[in-house]
Amino acid sequence: MDEKLVSQFKEKAQAVSAEVIRAKTCEEAYQNVLDIVAEAKVKEVGCVASGLTKSLLPRLKDSNVNVVEEGAPEDLERLEIGIIPVDVGIAETGTVAHDATNLFARYFSMLCPTNIVLLKTKDIEENMLQAIKKLEQKGTLPAYTAFITGPSRTADIERVLTIGVHGPGRLVIILVDEEDC
């Protein structure tokens, strides 16, 4: 893990209104997610069970939160929080990227008002080119890759900046230092 890249990533992500939380362990990261969910007082969240979020699922279910892993788009409208693992971070822009070939990974990261992403600090790269190379390490680039830089924002209505119109109004990035989880 390169502390300079982590620091730059955090600075750039916060500059575009993302919230960044650093966790030393996976357990600490999971507790941060549970705290955010409890604070929001939601009864249902969308969560993709892979990578960093696989071990989070039982903890969410134990906290009396209904976890939706898939469903019809009309069933997903009610979800206020989407939780996904991401594959890479880009320090230069504070961007996270993930394989969004799974339709529900895409839904949870784009349709829920709050998007919580988990990223290992070792997976932060300096720039887009290095990030794409990291994504290619799996053999080929994913069929659908989502790049997320801060909460959704637009200024196309009378040039007034509006947050959350075309996607999540809140992006929480949880950086996880522990490599084996």
Protein backbone atom coordinates (compact mmCIF):
# COMPACT_ATOMS: atom_id res chain seq x y z
CA MET A 1 0.00 0.00 0.00
CA ASP A 2 1.32 3.40 -1.00
CA GLU A 3 0.34 5.98 1.65
CA LYS A 4 0.91 8.82 -0.81
CA LEU A 5 -1.66 7.32 -3.22
CA VAL A 6 -4.13 6.67 -0.39
CA SER A 7 -3.81 10.27 0.80
CA GLN A 8 -4.19 11.66 -2.73
CA PHE A 9 -7.20 9.41 -3.39
CA LYS A 10 -8.89 10.54 -0.17
CA GLU A 11 -8.22 14.22 -0.90
CA LYS A 12 -9.57 14.01 -4.47
CA ALA A 13 -12.63 11.96 -3.47
CA GLN A 14 -13.54 14.40 -0.71
CA ALA A 15 -13.09 17.31 -3.12
CA VAL A 16 -16.01 15.92 -5.16
CA SER A 17 -18.19 15.44 -2.05
CA ALA A 18 -17.54 11.75 -1.38
CA GLU A 19 -17.24 10.71 2.24
CA VAL A 20 -14.11 8.66 2.89
CA ILE A 21 -13.64 6.43 5.94
CA ARG A 22 -10.41 4.53 6.60
CA ALA A 23 -10.62 1.16 8.34
CA LYS A 24 -7.58 -0.85 9.44
CA THR A 25 -9.45 -4.16 9.40
CA CYS A 26 -12.36 -5.72 7.59
CA GLU A 27 -14.22 -5.99 10.89
CA GLU A 28 -13.83 -2.23 11.40
CA ALA A 29 -15.05 -1.60 7.84
CA TYR A 30 -18.10 -3.82 8.39
CA GLN A 31 -18.88 -2.00 11.63
CA ASN A 32 -18.72 1.32 9.75
CA VAL A 33 -21.28 0.00 7.26
CA LEU A 34 -23.55 -1.22 10.07
CA ASP A 35 -23.28 2.17 11.79
CA ILE A 36 -24.25 4.03 8.59
CA VAL A 37 -27.21 1.71 8.02
CA ALA A 38 -28.36 2.05 11.66
CA GLU A 39 -27.97 5.84 11.56
CA ALA A 40 -30.09 6.00 8.39
CA LYS A 41 -32.78 3.90 10.13
CA VAL A 42 -33.43 1.82 7.01
CA LYS A 43 -34.99 -1.61 7.14
CA GLU A 44 -33.75 -2.81 3.76
CA VAL A 45 -30.49 -2.49 1.83
CA GLY A 46 -29.17 -3.81 -1.46
CA CYS A 47 -25.86 -5.63 -1.23
CA VAL A 48 -23.83 -7.60 -3.75
CA ALA A 49 -22.32 -10.63 -2.02
CA SER A 50 -18.83 -10.82 -3.50
CA GLY A 51 -15.32 -9.83 -2.55
CA LEU A 52 -15.24 -7.52 0.46
CA THR A 53 -19.00 -7.61 0.98
CA LYS A 54 -19.38 -11.41 1.14
CA SER A 55 -18.57 -11.55 4.86
CA LEU A 56 -20.62 -8.40 5.50
CA LEU A 57 -23.92 -10.04 4.50
CA PRO A 58 -24.44 -12.18 7.63
CA ARG A 59 -23.64 -9.19 9.84
CA LEU A 60 -26.25 -7.08 8.04
CA LYS A 61 -28.83 -9.83 8.41
CA ASP A 62 -27.98 -10.21 12.12
CA SER A 63 -28.66 -6.49 12.57
CA ASN A 64 -32.33 -6.99 11.60
CA VAL A 65 -31.89 -5.41 8.19
CA ASN A 66 -33.47 -7.12 5.22
CA VAL A 67 -30.77 -7.63 2.61
CA VAL A 68 -31.84 -7.65 -1.02
CA GLU A 69 -29.30 -9.33 -3.29
CA GLU A 70 -31.39 -9.30 -6.46
CA GLY A 71 -34.90 -8.60 -7.67
CA ALA A 72 -36.99 -6.86 -10.29
CA PRO A 73 -36.21 -3.15 -10.84
CA GLU A 74 -39.58 -2.13 -9.40
CA ASP A 75 -38.74 -4.02 -6.21
CA LEU A 76 -35.46 -2.14 -5.91
CA GLU A 77 -37.05 1.33 -5.93
CA ARG A 78 -37.58 1.19 -2.18
CA LEU A 79 -33.90 0.59 -1.36
CA GLU A 80 -32.23 3.60 0.16
CA ILE A 81 -28.73 2.16 0.51
CA GLY A 82 -26.73 0.08 -1.96
CA ILE A 83 -23.52 -1.62 -0.81
CA ILE A 84 -20.93 -2.93 -3.25
CA PRO A 85 -17.28 -3.93 -3.37
CA VAL A 86 -15.17 -2.04 -5.90
CA ASP A 87 -12.13 -3.32 -7.77
CA VAL A 88 -9.88 -0.29 -8.03
CA GLY A 89 -9.47 3.31 -6.93
CA ILE A 90 -7.87 6.08 -8.98
CA ALA A 91 -5.82 8.50 -6.85
CA GLU A 92 -5.59 11.16 -9.56
CA THR A 93 -9.37 11.76 -9.53
CA GLY A 94 -10.76 10.09 -6.38
CA THR A 95 -12.68 7.68 -8.62
CA VAL A 96 -13.65 4.09 -7.83
CA ALA A 97 -14.34 1.47 -10.49
CA HIS A 98 -16.05 -1.89 -10.37
CA ASP A 99 -17.13 -4.72 -12.58
CA ALA A 100 -20.79 -3.85 -13.05
CA THR A 101 -21.57 -6.73 -15.39
CA ASN A 102 -23.76 -8.11 -12.59
CA LEU A 103 -27.01 -6.18 -13.06
CA PHE A 104 -27.56 -5.83 -9.32
CA ALA A 105 -24.08 -4.40 -8.72
CA ARG A 106 -25.06 -1.78 -11.27
CA TYR A 107 -28.48 -1.15 -9.71
CA PHE A 108 -27.15 -0.84 -6.17
CA SER A 109 -24.42 1.59 -7.21
CA MET A 110 -26.64 3.73 -9.46
CA LEU A 111 -30.24 3.65 -8.18
CA CYS A 112 -30.01 3.87 -4.39
CA PRO A 113 -29.89 7.36 -2.85
CA THR A 114 -26.84 6.29 -0.80
CA ASN A 115 -24.03 4.18 -2.24
CA ILE A 116 -21.52 2.59 0.15
CA VAL A 117 -18.46 1.10 -1.51
CA LEU A 118 -15.64 -0.93 0.02
CA LEU A 119 -12.16 -0.65 -1.47
CA LYS A 120 -8.89 -2.20 -0.33
CA THR A 121 -6.20 0.46 -0.05
CA LYS A 122 -3.76 -1.83 -1.89
CA ASP A 123 -6.05 -1.51 -4.93
CA ILE A 124 -5.56 2.23 -5.34
CA GLU A 125 -3.70 3.08 -8.53
CA GLU A 126 -2.18 6.39 -9.58
CA ASN A 127 -4.17 7.03 -12.77
CA MET A 128 -6.78 5.68 -15.18
CA LEU A 129 -4.30 3.77 -17.33
CA GLN A 130 -2.96 1.85 -14.33
CA ALA A 131 -6.52 1.22 -13.11
CA ILE A 132 -7.52 -0.27 -16.46
CA LYS A 133 -4.42 -2.48 -16.41
CA LYS A 134 -5.45 -3.69 -12.95
CA LEU A 135 -8.96 -4.48 -14.21
CA GLU A 136 -7.43 -6.38 -17.15
CA GLN A 137 -5.42 -8.60 -14.79
CA LYS A 138 -8.46 -10.85 -14.47
CA GLY A 139 -7.94 -11.84 -18.13
CA THR A 140 -10.15 -9.36 -19.96
CA LEU A 141 -11.87 -6.13 -19.13
CA PRO A 142 -15.32 -6.64 -17.64
CA ALA A 143 -18.22 -6.39 -20.10
CA TYR A 144 -19.54 -3.42 -18.11
CA THR A 145 -17.28 -1.32 -15.91
CA ALA A 146 -18.68 1.50 -13.79
CA PHE A 147 -16.50 4.47 -12.84
CA ILE A 148 -17.85 6.50 -9.92
CA THR A 149 -16.50 9.92 -8.96
CA GLY A 150 -18.44 11.42 -6.08
CA PRO A 151 -22.20 11.58 -5.70
CA SER A 152 -24.28 12.16 -8.82
CA ARG A 153 -24.28 15.78 -9.87
CA THR A 154 -25.65 17.84 -12.70
CA ALA A 155 -25.93 21.50 -13.61
CA ASP A 156 -27.94 21.04 -16.79
CA ILE A 157 -31.05 22.70 -15.33
CA GLU A 158 -30.49 26.44 -15.55
CA ARG A 159 -26.82 25.88 -14.62
CA VAL A 160 -27.67 25.21 -10.99
CA LEU A 161 -25.62 22.42 -9.44
CA THR A 162 -27.90 19.69 -8.13
CA ILE A 163 -26.73 16.59 -6.27
CA GLY A 164 -28.42 13.20 -6.60
CA VAL A 165 -30.70 13.78 -9.58
CA HIS A 166 -29.26 11.09 -11.86
CA GLY A 167 -27.94 8.71 -9.21
CA PRO A 168 -26.88 8.53 -5.56
CA GLY A 169 -26.79 11.81 -3.67
CA ARG A 170 -24.37 10.33 -1.16
CA LEU A 171 -21.25 8.27 -1.80
CA VAL A 172 -19.41 6.71 1.14
CA ILE A 173 -16.07 5.09 0.34
CA ILE A 174 -14.69 2.78 3.02
CA LEU A 175 -10.99 2.15 2.55
CA VAL A 176 -9.83 -1.14 4.04
CA ASP A 177 -6.15 -1.62 4.91
CA GLU A 178 -6.37 -5.35 5.72
CA GLU A 179 -5.48 -7.38 2.65
CA ASP A 180 -6.89 -10.80 3.53
CA CYS A 181 -10.65 -10.65 3.92
